N, C-alpha and C. Protein backbone atom coordinates (compact mmCIF):
# COMPACT_ATOMS: atom_id res chain seq x y z
N MET A 1 0.86 -1.17 0.00
CA MET A 1 0.00 0.00 0.00
C MET A 1 0.90 1.24 0.00
N THR A 2 0.44 2.28 -0.64
CA THR A 2 1.21 3.52 -0.71
C THR A 2 0.52 4.62 0.10
N LEU A 3 1.23 5.71 0.30
CA LEU A 3 0.62 6.85 0.99
C LEU A 3 -0.57 7.38 0.19
N LYS A 4 -0.45 7.35 -1.12
CA LYS A 4 -1.56 7.80 -1.96
C LYS A 4 -2.77 6.89 -1.76
N ASP A 5 -2.55 5.57 -1.71
CA ASP A 5 -3.65 4.62 -1.49
C ASP A 5 -4.34 4.91 -0.16
N LEU A 6 -3.57 5.11 0.89
CA LEU A 6 -4.14 5.39 2.21
C LEU A 6 -4.94 6.70 2.19
N ARG A 7 -4.36 7.71 1.56
CA ARG A 7 -5.04 9.00 1.50
C ARG A 7 -6.37 8.88 0.75
N GLU A 8 -6.34 8.18 -0.37
CA GLU A 8 -7.56 8.02 -1.16
C GLU A 8 -8.60 7.16 -0.45
N GLU A 9 -8.15 6.14 0.30
CA GLU A 9 -9.08 5.32 1.09
C GLU A 9 -9.83 6.16 2.11
N HIS A 10 -9.19 7.22 2.58
CA HIS A 10 -9.81 8.11 3.57
C HIS A 10 -10.46 9.33 2.92
N ASN A 11 -10.60 9.27 1.59
CA ASN A 11 -11.27 10.33 0.83
C ASN A 11 -10.71 11.71 1.11
N LEU A 12 -9.40 11.81 1.12
CA LEU A 12 -8.74 13.09 1.36
C LEU A 12 -7.97 13.54 0.12
N THR A 13 -7.95 14.84 -0.11
CA THR A 13 -7.04 15.38 -1.10
C THR A 13 -5.69 15.60 -0.43
N GLN A 14 -4.66 15.83 -1.23
CA GLN A 14 -3.36 16.12 -0.65
C GLN A 14 -3.43 17.38 0.22
N LYS A 15 -4.13 18.38 -0.26
CA LYS A 15 -4.21 19.63 0.50
C LYS A 15 -4.97 19.44 1.81
N GLU A 16 -6.04 18.63 1.80
CA GLU A 16 -6.77 18.35 3.05
C GLU A 16 -5.87 17.62 4.04
N LEU A 17 -5.15 16.62 3.54
CA LEU A 17 -4.25 15.87 4.42
C LEU A 17 -3.21 16.81 5.04
N CYS A 18 -2.66 17.70 4.24
CA CYS A 18 -1.64 18.62 4.75
C CYS A 18 -2.22 19.57 5.79
N ARG A 19 -3.45 20.01 5.57
CA ARG A 19 -4.09 20.89 6.55
C ARG A 19 -4.31 20.15 7.87
N LEU A 20 -4.70 18.88 7.79
CA LEU A 20 -4.99 18.10 9.00
C LEU A 20 -3.73 17.69 9.76
N THR A 21 -2.65 17.47 9.05
CA THR A 21 -1.42 17.00 9.69
C THR A 21 -0.40 18.11 9.94
N GLY A 22 -0.55 19.23 9.26
CA GLY A 22 0.43 20.29 9.38
C GLY A 22 1.66 20.09 8.51
N LEU A 23 1.64 19.08 7.65
CA LEU A 23 2.77 18.84 6.76
C LEU A 23 2.73 19.83 5.60
N PRO A 24 3.87 20.34 5.18
CA PRO A 24 3.89 21.22 4.01
C PRO A 24 3.47 20.43 2.76
N TYR A 25 2.68 21.09 1.92
CA TYR A 25 2.13 20.44 0.72
C TYR A 25 3.24 19.87 -0.18
N ASN A 26 4.24 20.67 -0.49
CA ASN A 26 5.30 20.18 -1.39
C ASN A 26 6.08 19.03 -0.78
N THR A 27 6.27 19.05 0.52
CA THR A 27 6.95 17.95 1.20
C THR A 27 6.14 16.67 1.07
N TYR A 28 4.83 16.77 1.34
CA TYR A 28 3.99 15.57 1.25
C TYR A 28 3.96 15.02 -0.17
N ARG A 29 3.90 15.90 -1.16
CA ARG A 29 3.90 15.43 -2.56
C ARG A 29 5.14 14.59 -2.84
N HIS A 30 6.28 14.99 -2.29
CA HIS A 30 7.50 14.21 -2.50
C HIS A 30 7.38 12.82 -1.86
N TYR A 31 6.67 12.72 -0.75
CA TYR A 31 6.44 11.41 -0.13
C TYR A 31 5.61 10.52 -1.06
N GLU A 32 4.54 11.08 -1.60
CA GLU A 32 3.67 10.29 -2.48
C GLU A 32 4.38 9.87 -3.76
N TYR A 33 5.24 10.73 -4.28
CA TYR A 33 5.97 10.40 -5.51
C TYR A 33 7.15 9.47 -5.25
N GLY A 34 7.45 9.21 -3.99
CA GLY A 34 8.54 8.31 -3.66
C GLY A 34 9.91 8.96 -3.72
N ASP A 35 9.95 10.29 -3.81
CA ASP A 35 11.23 10.99 -3.84
C ASP A 35 11.92 10.95 -2.49
N THR A 36 11.14 11.02 -1.43
CA THR A 36 11.66 10.97 -0.06
C THR A 36 10.70 10.14 0.79
N PHE A 37 11.16 9.76 1.97
CA PHE A 37 10.33 8.98 2.89
C PHE A 37 10.11 9.83 4.14
N PRO A 38 8.90 9.80 4.70
CA PRO A 38 8.63 10.61 5.90
C PRO A 38 9.57 10.26 7.05
N GLY A 39 9.98 11.28 7.79
CA GLY A 39 10.76 11.09 9.00
C GLY A 39 9.87 10.68 10.16
N LYS A 40 10.47 10.57 11.33
CA LYS A 40 9.74 10.10 12.50
C LYS A 40 8.55 10.99 12.85
N LYS A 41 8.75 12.31 12.91
CA LYS A 41 7.65 13.21 13.26
C LYS A 41 6.52 13.14 12.23
N GLU A 42 6.89 13.07 10.97
CA GLU A 42 5.89 13.00 9.91
C GLU A 42 5.12 11.67 9.96
N MET A 43 5.83 10.59 10.24
CA MET A 43 5.17 9.28 10.35
C MET A 43 4.17 9.29 11.50
N ILE A 44 4.53 9.93 12.60
CA ILE A 44 3.62 10.02 13.75
C ILE A 44 2.36 10.79 13.36
N SER A 45 2.53 11.92 12.68
CA SER A 45 1.38 12.73 12.25
C SER A 45 0.47 11.95 11.31
N LEU A 46 1.07 11.26 10.35
CA LEU A 46 0.28 10.48 9.38
C LEU A 46 -0.41 9.31 10.07
N ALA A 47 0.30 8.63 10.96
CA ALA A 47 -0.29 7.49 11.66
C ALA A 47 -1.48 7.92 12.50
N LYS A 48 -1.36 9.04 13.19
CA LYS A 48 -2.48 9.55 13.99
C LYS A 48 -3.69 9.82 13.10
N LEU A 49 -3.45 10.42 11.96
CA LEU A 49 -4.54 10.72 11.04
C LEU A 49 -5.26 9.44 10.61
N TYR A 50 -4.51 8.39 10.37
CA TYR A 50 -5.09 7.13 9.90
C TYR A 50 -5.50 6.17 11.01
N GLY A 51 -5.31 6.58 12.27
CA GLY A 51 -5.73 5.75 13.39
C GLY A 51 -4.90 4.50 13.57
N MET A 52 -3.60 4.62 13.33
CA MET A 52 -2.72 3.47 13.52
C MET A 52 -1.44 3.93 14.21
N SER A 53 -0.66 2.99 14.64
CA SER A 53 0.62 3.34 15.24
C SER A 53 1.62 3.64 14.13
N PRO A 54 2.67 4.40 14.44
CA PRO A 54 3.70 4.64 13.42
C PRO A 54 4.30 3.34 12.89
N GLY A 55 4.46 2.35 13.76
CA GLY A 55 4.99 1.05 13.31
C GLY A 55 4.06 0.36 12.32
N GLU A 56 2.77 0.42 12.60
CA GLU A 56 1.80 -0.17 11.68
C GLU A 56 1.82 0.54 10.32
N LEU A 57 1.93 1.86 10.36
CA LEU A 57 2.00 2.62 9.11
C LEU A 57 3.25 2.25 8.34
N PHE A 58 4.38 2.20 9.02
CA PHE A 58 5.64 1.82 8.37
C PHE A 58 5.52 0.44 7.73
N ASP A 59 5.02 -0.51 8.49
CA ASP A 59 4.86 -1.87 7.97
C ASP A 59 3.95 -1.88 6.74
N GLU A 60 2.89 -1.11 6.79
CA GLU A 60 1.95 -1.03 5.67
C GLU A 60 2.64 -0.46 4.42
N LEU A 61 3.44 0.57 4.63
CA LEU A 61 4.08 1.23 3.50
C LEU A 61 5.18 0.40 2.85
N ILE A 62 5.88 -0.40 3.65
CA ILE A 62 6.95 -1.20 3.06
C ILE A 62 6.50 -2.62 2.73
N GLY A 63 5.25 -2.92 3.04
CA GLY A 63 4.70 -4.21 2.63
C GLY A 63 4.89 -5.35 3.62
N TRP A 64 5.33 -5.05 4.83
CA TRP A 64 5.46 -6.10 5.83
C TRP A 64 4.10 -6.43 6.40
N LYS A 65 3.87 -7.68 6.59
CA LYS A 65 2.62 -8.13 7.22
C LYS A 65 2.97 -8.77 8.55
N THR A 66 2.42 -8.23 9.62
CA THR A 66 2.67 -8.79 10.95
C THR A 66 1.67 -9.90 11.20
N PRO A 67 2.10 -10.98 11.86
CA PRO A 67 1.19 -12.11 12.12
C PRO A 67 0.11 -11.76 13.12
């Protein structure tokens, strides 16, 4: 799953997500395009938005499935 997939599952635009998380729009776009990966603070903000732990979000993004 990608950040774009998660965002679209929650019916959010990039700008809405940025407003809710406080992430700069251009920074978030780079995450979705795969140019950069969110740091710890950004992962925490995104995980809170999606109702998961940062570890769960990380696992989801890199394709790890926990038993």
